[in-house]
């Protein structure tokens, strides 16, 4: 019987929430400072992907292939 990856999935959800919360906090700080963003999605795209993000993308492709 296959094991569920509940704890890993929960960890991924928590990380996504933290990332979203941080992006929102930075956006509020920038708005308060008078800096307007042209493309809010561009924030963080220049950063390298973490191993967790890379693994998550690989899992998605595996699921889609099935």
Protein backbone atom coordinates (compact mmCIF):
# COMPACT_ATOMS: atom_id res chain seq x y z
CA UNK A 1 0.00 0.00 0.00
CA UNK A 2 1.34 3.45 -0.89
CA UNK A 3 2.18 5.91 1.85
CA UNK A 4 0.53 9.27 1.77
CA UNK A 5 2.79 12.27 1.88
CA UNK A 6 0.54 14.32 4.11
CA UNK A 7 3.32 15.81 6.21
CA UNK A 8 5.32 16.80 3.13
CA UNK A 9 2.23 18.27 1.46
CA UNK A 10 1.43 20.16 4.65
CA UNK A 11 4.98 21.50 4.72
CA UNK A 12 4.62 22.65 1.10
CA UNK A 13 1.35 24.44 1.90
CA UNK A 14 2.92 26.15 4.92
CA UNK A 15 5.89 27.30 2.82
CA UNK A 16 3.56 28.67 0.14
CA UNK A 17 1.59 30.58 2.79
CA UNK A 18 4.79 32.04 4.25
CA UNK A 19 6.02 33.08 0.82
CA UNK A 20 2.70 34.73 -0.01
CA UNK A 21 2.60 36.49 3.35
CA UNK A 22 6.15 37.81 2.87
CA UNK A 23 5.34 39.08 -0.64
CA UNK A 24 2.27 40.85 0.74
CA UNK A 25 4.34 42.40 3.54
CA UNK A 26 6.95 43.69 1.07
CA UNK A 27 4.24 45.08 -1.17
CA UNK A 28 2.75 47.00 1.76
CA UNK A 29 6.17 48.34 2.73
CA UNK A 30 6.85 49.47 -0.83
CA UNK A 31 3.45 51.12 -1.07
CA UNK A 32 4.07 52.95 2.23
CA UNK A 33 7.47 54.11 0.96
CA UNK A 34 5.88 55.40 -2.24
CA UNK A 35 7.49 52.84 -4.53
CA UNK A 36 5.09 51.59 -7.15
CA UNK A 37 5.64 48.20 -8.76
CA UNK A 38 5.08 47.78 -12.48
CA UNK A 39 4.93 43.99 -12.40
CA UNK A 40 4.20 42.51 -8.95
CA UNK A 41 4.67 38.94 -10.24
CA UNK A 42 8.28 39.74 -11.09
CA UNK A 43 9.19 39.83 -7.41
CA UNK A 44 11.21 36.76 -6.55
CA UNK A 45 11.39 35.43 -10.11
CA UNK A 46 15.04 36.39 -10.32
CA UNK A 47 15.83 34.26 -7.31
CA UNK A 48 17.00 30.72 -7.92
CA UNK A 49 14.49 27.99 -7.26
CA UNK A 50 14.96 25.97 -4.12
CA UNK A 51 15.29 22.21 -4.16
CA UNK A 52 11.76 21.93 -2.76
CA UNK A 53 10.30 23.93 -5.65
CA UNK A 54 12.25 21.87 -8.17
CA UNK A 55 11.05 18.62 -6.59
CA UNK A 56 7.47 19.89 -6.56
CA UNK A 57 7.62 20.68 -10.28
CA UNK A 58 9.04 17.21 -11.00
CA UNK A 59 6.22 15.61 -9.02
CA UNK A 60 3.64 17.60 -10.95
CA UNK A 61 5.07 16.46 -14.28
CA UNK A 62 5.11 12.85 -13.07
CA UNK A 63 1.46 13.10 -12.05
CA UNK A 64 0.49 14.70 -15.36
CA UNK A 65 2.26 11.96 -17.32
CA UNK A 66 0.32 9.26 -15.45
